[in-house]
């Protein structure tokens, strides 16, 4: 059993504390939060030791779970890696690309250390239900909408919400980005609260992603269109739907599918609808369990430091395009 400590006892940090305490592979030593009132309250509620400094916690653990505001991710991760500790770091990886690159350089110097980035949607039952399918999308449409919440507004909606979909898309498309066009508006906070990005990849795939944190309703959906196939993932409902154009119906799947004959003009094919079974898992607990296995058994992590950097890089490309478009906007009253 390896010893782990947590940094940041905010809303998500409390969830991590509870789950780390339930995972047999982890010995949760304690946590550090710079706010003494928060630290005292959390320590009393969970019965977990609150350390007085980051240094004192680092000295007692083999690994750290970083669930602090994004602006502090880099400093904590750098200190932990330099001290020879394994690192789980919440998304986004860091505030700047330079910080992300610096972490990649540190990892290159310490390949024995495990670093996992908390892109939790990779563990969402909706995504897990289609993992074994061949997904080669030509067009992707995504909507990630949420009501306004001051938590997370230290970064733009691109880094706060859209980055989840960027990670999923990049993990499936596996092609360099060719061009990005994007627009965004700061409505309540000082950074964009709603944004749309059109991403063209070298292989011809196009992704159209929208993210908003000023929506009346919640939505977390990605739709993938490819030859003879359409997949719809609902990350909020944790379920998926698959529509396929097949030459024949697979009788072995029985009632798990519905099929309708479809005349294509050349031959009869079948439009097959499936609702893949979703695993009843806790995505956050699952990613922390994987981190434990990677540390103890040397298994590769599902979301690597490079994956986290790739999503961060795409997010910053979008933000740069938003800034460029804003600067080029001509005031109609001029």
Protein backbone atom coordinates (compact mmCIF):
# COMPACT_ATOMS: atom_id res chain seq x y z
CA UNK A 1 0.00 0.00 0.00
CA UNK A 2 1.39 3.40 -1.02
CA UNK A 3 1.00 6.60 0.96
CA UNK A 4 -0.77 9.51 -0.71
CA UNK A 5 -1.50 13.09 0.28
CA UNK A 6 -3.97 15.55 -1.18
CA UNK A 7 -3.50 19.22 -2.00
CA UNK A 8 -6.62 21.40 -2.03
CA UNK A 9 -9.69 20.73 0.12
CA UNK A 10 -12.24 22.63 -1.95
CA UNK A 11 -15.41 21.18 -3.48
CA UNK A 12 -13.64 18.62 -5.68
CA UNK A 13 -10.90 18.06 -3.13
CA UNK A 14 -13.43 16.87 -0.56
CA UNK A 15 -14.77 14.36 -3.09
CA UNK A 16 -11.25 13.09 -3.73
CA UNK A 17 -10.58 12.80 0.01
CA UNK A 18 -13.66 10.66 0.53
CA UNK A 19 -12.83 8.38 -2.39
CA UNK A 20 -9.13 8.03 -1.56
CA UNK A 21 -10.19 6.87 1.89
CA UNK A 22 -12.28 4.12 0.26
CA UNK A 23 -9.57 2.82 -2.08
CA UNK A 24 -7.67 -0.07 -0.49
CA UNK A 25 -4.55 0.54 -2.56
CA UNK A 26 -4.06 4.00 -1.03
CA UNK A 27 -3.03 4.91 2.49
CA UNK A 28 -4.34 8.47 2.78
CA UNK A 29 -1.88 10.22 5.09
CA UNK A 30 -3.56 13.63 5.07
CA UNK A 31 -4.06 16.83 3.14
CA UNK A 32 -2.88 20.41 2.89
CA UNK A 33 -5.02 23.48 2.24
CA UNK A 34 -3.58 26.99 2.65
CA UNK A 35 -6.82 28.24 4.24
CA UNK A 36 -6.58 27.27 7.95
CA UNK A 37 -10.33 27.56 8.53
CA UNK A 38 -11.12 25.27 5.60
CA UNK A 39 -8.40 22.85 6.69
CA UNK A 40 -9.72 22.65 10.25
CA UNK A 41 -13.32 22.12 9.12
CA UNK A 42 -12.40 19.40 6.61
CA UNK A 43 -10.11 17.63 9.07
CA UNK A 44 -12.90 17.49 11.63
CA UNK A 45 -15.53 16.35 9.12
CA UNK A 46 -13.48 13.57 7.52
CA UNK A 47 -11.22 12.66 10.43
CA UNK A 48 -8.17 13.13 8.24
CA UNK A 49 -4.99 14.93 9.28
CA UNK A 50 -4.50 18.48 8.01
CA UNK A 51 -0.83 19.28 7.50
CA UNK A 52 0.48 22.74 8.29
CA UNK A 53 2.64 23.03 5.18
CA UNK A 54 3.03 21.55 1.72
CA UNK A 55 6.60 20.54 2.55
CA UNK A 56 5.60 18.56 5.64
CA UNK A 57 2.98 16.62 3.65
CA UNK A 58 5.37 15.90 0.78
CA UNK A 59 7.88 14.43 3.21
CA UNK A 60 5.37 11.81 4.39
CA UNK A 61 3.98 10.43 1.11
CA UNK A 62 4.85 8.45 -2.01
CA UNK A 63 2.29 10.22 -4.22
CA UNK A 64 0.19 13.36 -4.32
CA UNK A 65 -3.27 14.23 -5.60
CA UNK A 66 -3.39 17.88 -6.73
CA UNK A 67 -6.92 19.31 -6.62
CA UNK A 68 -6.06 22.98 -6.14
CA UNK A 69 -7.03 25.95 -8.35
CA UNK A 70 -5.35 25.77 -11.76
CA UNK A 71 -2.99 28.67 -11.07
CA UNK A 72 -1.15 26.62 -8.43
CA UNK A 73 -0.97 23.28 -10.29
CA UNK A 74 2.51 23.81 -11.68
CA UNK A 75 4.27 24.85 -8.49
CA UNK A 76 2.89 21.92 -6.50
CA UNK A 77 3.52 19.37 -9.26
CA UNK A 78 7.07 20.61 -9.77
CA UNK A 79 7.82 20.39 -6.06
CA UNK A 80 6.33 16.90 -5.85
CA UNK A 81 8.17 15.55 -8.89
CA UNK A 82 11.44 17.09 -7.78
CA UNK A 83 10.95 15.34 -4.45
CA UNK A 84 10.47 12.01 -6.27
CA UNK A 85 6.71 11.69 -5.76
CA UNK A 86 4.15 10.27 -8.17
CA UNK A 87 1.58 12.87 -9.25
CA UNK A 88 -2.13 12.92 -10.03
CA UNK A 89 -3.05 16.39 -11.23
CA UNK A 90 -6.52 17.67 -11.99
CA UNK A 91 -7.32 19.20 -15.36
CA UNK A 92 -6.32 21.53 -16.82
CA UNK A 93 -2.75 20.37 -16.44
CA UNK A 94 -1.43 23.89 -15.83
CA UNK A 95 -2.27 27.52 -16.44
CA UNK A 96 0.23 28.11 -19.25
CA UNK A 97 1.82 26.05 -22.01
CA UNK A 98 5.27 26.95 -20.70
CA UNK A 99 4.38 25.34 -17.37
CA UNK A 100 3.07 22.25 -19.14
CA UNK A 101 6.24 21.98 -21.21
CA UNK A 102 8.34 22.32 -18.07
CA UNK A 103 6.49 19.38 -16.49
CA UNK A 104 7.13 17.29 -19.61
CA UNK A 105 10.83 18.08 -19.28
CA UNK A 106 10.84 17.07 -15.63
CA UNK A 107 9.09 13.81 -16.49
CA UNK A 108 11.75 13.09 -19.13
CA UNK A 109 14.35 13.37 -16.37
CA UNK A 110 12.34 11.11 -14.03
CA UNK A 111 10.66 8.45 -16.22
CA UNK A 112 10.16 6.21 -13.18
CA UNK A 113 7.54 8.60 -11.79
CA UNK A 114 3.87 8.17 -12.69
CA UNK A 115 1.96 11.27 -13.76
CA UNK A 116 -1.76 11.10 -14.50
CA UNK A 117 -4.00 14.01 -15.53
CA UNK A 118 -7.57 14.13 -14.24
CA UNK A 119 -9.56 14.21 -17.46
CA UNK A 120 -12.35 12.31 -15.75
CA UNK A 121 -14.64 11.98 -18.80
CA UNK A 122 -12.33 9.22 -20.09
CA UNK A 123 -13.83 7.15 -17.25
CA UNK A 124 -17.43 8.23 -17.79
CA UNK A 125 -19.70 5.18 -18.35
CA UNK A 126 -20.93 6.74 -21.62
CA UNK A 127 -17.39 6.77 -23.04
CA UNK A 128 -16.46 3.40 -21.57
CA UNK A 129 -19.50 1.80 -23.24
CA UNK A 130 -18.10 2.47 -26.74
CA UNK A 131 -14.38 2.07 -26.02
CA UNK A 132 -14.18 -1.26 -27.81
CA UNK A 133 -15.73 0.08 -31.02
CA UNK A 134 -13.85 1.34 -34.04
CA UNK A 135 -14.30 5.10 -33.91
CA UNK A 136 -12.85 7.06 -36.84
CA UNK A 137 -15.00 10.19 -36.93
CA UNK A 138 -15.21 12.54 -39.87
CA UNK A 139 -17.37 15.12 -38.09
CA UNK A 140 -17.83 15.73 -34.36
CA UNK A 141 -20.32 17.99 -32.64
CA UNK A 142 -20.16 18.74 -28.94
CA UNK A 143 -22.12 20.81 -26.43
CA UNK A 144 -21.00 21.25 -22.82
CA UNK A 145 -23.32 23.68 -21.06
CA UNK A 146 -23.66 24.55 -17.37
CA UNK A 147 -25.34 27.18 -15.20
CA UNK A 148 -23.10 29.90 -13.83
CA UNK A 149 -21.00 28.95 -10.81
CA UNK A 150 -18.22 31.20 -9.48
CA UNK A 151 -16.10 28.10 -8.87
CA UNK A 152 -13.76 27.58 -11.80
CA UNK A 153 -13.90 31.14 -13.15
CA UNK A 154 -10.20 31.60 -12.43
CA UNK A 155 -9.81 30.32 -16.00
CA UNK A 156 -11.88 30.70 -19.19
CA UNK A 157 -14.71 28.36 -20.12
CA UNK A 158 -12.35 26.79 -22.66
CA UNK A 159 -9.97 25.66 -19.91
CA UNK A 160 -12.77 24.98 -17.45
CA UNK A 161 -15.30 23.02 -19.54
CA UNK A 162 -14.38 22.68 -23.22
CA UNK A 163 -11.05 21.05 -22.36
CA UNK A 164 -12.96 17.89 -21.34
CA UNK A 165 -14.25 17.50 -24.90
CA UNK A 166 -10.92 18.50 -26.40
CA UNK A 167 -9.26 15.61 -24.56
CA UNK A 168 -11.89 13.10 -25.74
CA UNK A 169 -11.73 14.35 -29.33
CA UNK A 170 -7.92 14.30 -29.48
CA UNK A 171 -7.84 10.78 -28.03
CA UNK A 172 -10.09 9.52 -30.85
CA UNK A 173 -9.04 11.54 -33.89
CA UNK A 174 -5.28 11.03 -33.41
CA UNK A 175 -4.35 13.55 -36.08
CA UNK A 176 -2.53 16.91 -35.90
CA UNK A 177 -4.66 20.05 -35.85
CA UNK A 178 -4.63 21.84 -39.18
CA UNK A 179 -6.67 24.95 -38.44
CA UNK A 180 -8.86 26.45 -35.71
CA UNK A 181 -11.50 29.15 -35.87
CA UNK A 182 -13.15 30.25 -32.66
CA UNK A 183 -15.16 32.94 -30.98
CA UNK A 184 -16.00 33.64 -27.36
CA UNK A 185 -17.69 36.19 -25.14
CA UNK A 186 -16.99 37.31 -21.57
CA UNK A 187 -20.45 37.84 -20.09
CA UNK A 188 -20.00 37.67 -16.31
CA UNK A 189 -16.36 36.92 -15.57
CA UNK A 190 -13.17 38.49 -16.96
CA UNK A 191 -12.54 35.56 -19.33
CA UNK A 192 -14.80 33.96 -21.97
CA UNK A 193 -17.91 32.41 -20.43
CA UNK A 194 -19.23 31.02 -23.71
CA UNK A 195 -17.12 29.82 -26.63
CA UNK A 196 -17.40 27.95 -29.90
CA UNK A 197 -14.51 26.35 -31.77
CA UNK A 198 -14.31 24.73 -35.19
CA UNK A 199 -11.25 22.48 -35.35
CA UNK A 200 -10.01 21.02 -38.63
CA UNK A 201 -7.58 18.11 -38.47
CA UNK A 202 -4.98 17.05 -41.03
CA UNK A 203 -6.88 13.80 -41.70
CA UNK A 204 -9.98 15.78 -42.74
CA UNK A 205 -12.02 15.37 -39.57
CA UNK A 206 -13.81 18.48 -38.32
CA UNK A 207 -14.97 19.08 -34.73
CA UNK A 208 -17.43 21.79 -33.79
CA UNK A 209 -17.43 22.34 -30.01
CA UNK A 210 -19.49 24.71 -27.88
CA UNK A 211 -19.01 25.36 -24.18
CA UNK A 212 -20.96 27.68 -21.91
CA UNK A 213 -21.06 28.30 -18.17
CA UNK A 214 -23.98 30.72 -18.38
CA UNK A 215 -26.62 28.28 -19.61
CA UNK A 216 -30.03 27.76 -18.02
CA UNK A 217 -29.79 24.00 -18.53
CA UNK A 218 -26.99 21.47 -18.27
CA UNK A 219 -25.76 19.47 -21.25
CA UNK A 220 -22.67 17.34 -21.82
CA UNK A 221 -22.98 15.65 -25.20
CA UNK A 222 -20.64 14.58 -27.99
CA UNK A 223 -21.82 13.18 -31.32
CA UNK A 224 -19.52 11.35 -33.74
CA UNK A 225 -20.34 10.89 -37.43
CA UNK A 226 -18.41 8.45 -39.60
CA UNK A 227 -18.93 6.16 -42.57
CA UNK A 228 -22.01 3.99 -41.94
CA UNK A 229 -22.00 4.93 -38.27
CA UNK A 230 -23.25 7.57 -35.80
CA UNK A 231 -22.52 7.58 -32.08
CA UNK A 232 -24.10 9.87 -29.48
CA UNK A 233 -22.56 10.09 -26.01
CA UNK A 234 -24.41 11.76 -23.15
CA UNK A 235 -21.88 12.30 -20.37
CA UNK A 236 -24.53 13.77 -18.07
CA UNK A 237 -26.88 10.79 -18.35
CA UNK A 238 -23.87 8.43 -18.62
CA UNK A 239 -25.27 6.60 -21.61
CA UNK A 240 -24.65 6.19 -25.33
CA UNK A 241 -26.54 5.42 -28.53
CA UNK A 242 -25.15 3.90 -31.71
CA UNK A 243 -26.74 3.94 -35.16
CA UNK A 244 -25.13 1.78 -37.86
CA UNK A 245 -25.83 0.97 -41.48
CA UNK A 246 -25.30 -2.79 -41.83
CA UNK A 247 -25.57 -5.28 -44.66
CA UNK A 248 -27.19 -7.80 -42.33
CA UNK A 249 -28.46 -8.01 -38.76
CA UNK A 250 -26.38 -9.85 -36.15
CA UNK A 251 -28.86 -12.29 -34.56
CA UNK A 252 -26.55 -12.95 -31.60
CA UNK A 253 -27.30 -9.47 -30.19
CA UNK A 254 -31.00 -10.25 -29.83
CA UNK A 255 -33.11 -7.61 -28.12
CA UNK A 256 -30.13 -5.33 -27.47
CA UNK A 257 -30.59 -3.89 -30.95
CA UNK A 258 -33.37 -2.67 -33.21
CA UNK A 259 -33.09 -2.94 -36.98
CA UNK A 260 -35.04 -1.37 -39.82
CA UNK A 261 -34.65 -2.23 -43.53
CA UNK A 262 -33.41 0.70 -45.59
CA UNK A 263 -33.42 0.92 -49.38
CA UNK A 264 -30.23 2.63 -50.56
CA UNK A 265 -31.12 2.56 -54.26
CA UNK A 266 -28.64 -0.22 -54.96
CA UNK A 267 -29.41 -2.77 -52.30
CA UNK A 268 -31.24 -3.26 -49.04
CA UNK A 269 -29.31 -2.49 -45.89
CA UNK A 270 -30.35 -2.29 -42.27
CA UNK A 271 -30.36 0.74 -40.02
CA UNK A 272 -29.40 -0.75 -36.67
CA UNK A 273 -29.90 1.05 -33.37
CA UNK A 274 -28.08 -0.07 -30.23
CA UNK A 275 -27.92 1.25 -26.70
CA UNK A 276 -24.67 -0.15 -25.31
CA UNK A 277 -24.74 -1.20 -21.68
CA UNK A 278 -23.14 1.38 -19.40
CA UNK A 279 -21.00 0.27 -16.49
CA UNK A 280 -22.17 1.55 -13.12
CA UNK A 281 -18.86 3.08 -12.05
CA UNK A 282 -17.80 6.18 -10.17
CA UNK A 283 -15.57 7.91 -12.74
CA UNK A 284 -13.49 9.84 -10.20
CA UNK A 285 -12.93 6.76 -8.05
CA UNK A 286 -12.02 4.74 -11.14
CA UNK A 287 -9.35 7.22 -12.26
CA UNK A 288 -7.84 7.29 -8.75
CA UNK A 289 -7.83 3.47 -8.69
CA UNK A 290 -6.03 3.43 -12.03
CA UNK A 291 -3.48 5.86 -10.65
CA UNK A 292 -2.87 3.42 -7.78
CA UNK A 293 -2.39 0.49 -10.16
CA UNK A 294 0.01 2.49 -12.30
CA UNK A 295 2.08 3.45 -9.25
CA UNK A 296 2.11 -0.05 -7.76
CA UNK A 297 2.26 -2.24 -10.87
CA UNK A 298 3.81 0.02 -13.49
CA UNK A 299 0.76 -0.07 -15.77
CA UNK A 300 0.47 2.86 -18.20
CA UNK A 301 -2.09 5.50 -17.27
CA UNK A 302 -5.09 6.17 -19.49
CA UNK A 303 -4.56 9.95 -19.44
CA UNK A 304 -0.86 10.71 -19.60
CA UNK A 305 0.99 13.96 -19.02
CA UNK A 306 1.37 14.26 -22.80
CA UNK A 307 -2.40 13.82 -23.21
CA UNK A 308 -2.97 16.58 -20.69
CA UNK A 309 -0.52 18.83 -22.50
CA UNK A 310 -2.14 18.14 -25.89
CA UNK A 311 -5.56 19.19 -24.56
CA UNK A 312 -4.02 22.26 -22.92
CA UNK A 313 -2.27 23.21 -26.16
CA UNK A 314 -5.49 22.91 -28.17
CA UNK A 315 -7.31 25.02 -25.57
CA UNK A 316 -4.69 27.76 -25.81
CA UNK A 317 -4.87 27.67 -29.61
CA UNK A 318 -8.61 28.28 -29.29
CA UNK A 319 -8.10 31.11 -26.80
CA UNK A 320 -5.52 32.72 -29.09
CA UNK A 321 -7.98 32.58 -31.97
CA UNK A 322 -10.73 34.08 -29.81
CA UNK A 323 -8.40 36.97 -28.89
CA UNK A 324 -7.39 37.44 -32.52
CA UNK A 325 -10.99 37.53 -33.73
CA UNK A 326 -11.91 39.98 -30.97
CA UNK A 327 -9.04 42.27 -31.94
CA UNK A 328 -10.09 42.19 -35.59
CA UNK A 329 -13.73 43.07 -34.83
CA UNK A 330 -14.65 46.44 -36.27
CA UNK A 331 -16.94 48.69 -34.23
CA UNK A 332 -19.94 49.37 -36.54
CA UNK A 333 -20.29 52.83 -35.01
CA UNK A 334 -16.78 53.83 -36.10
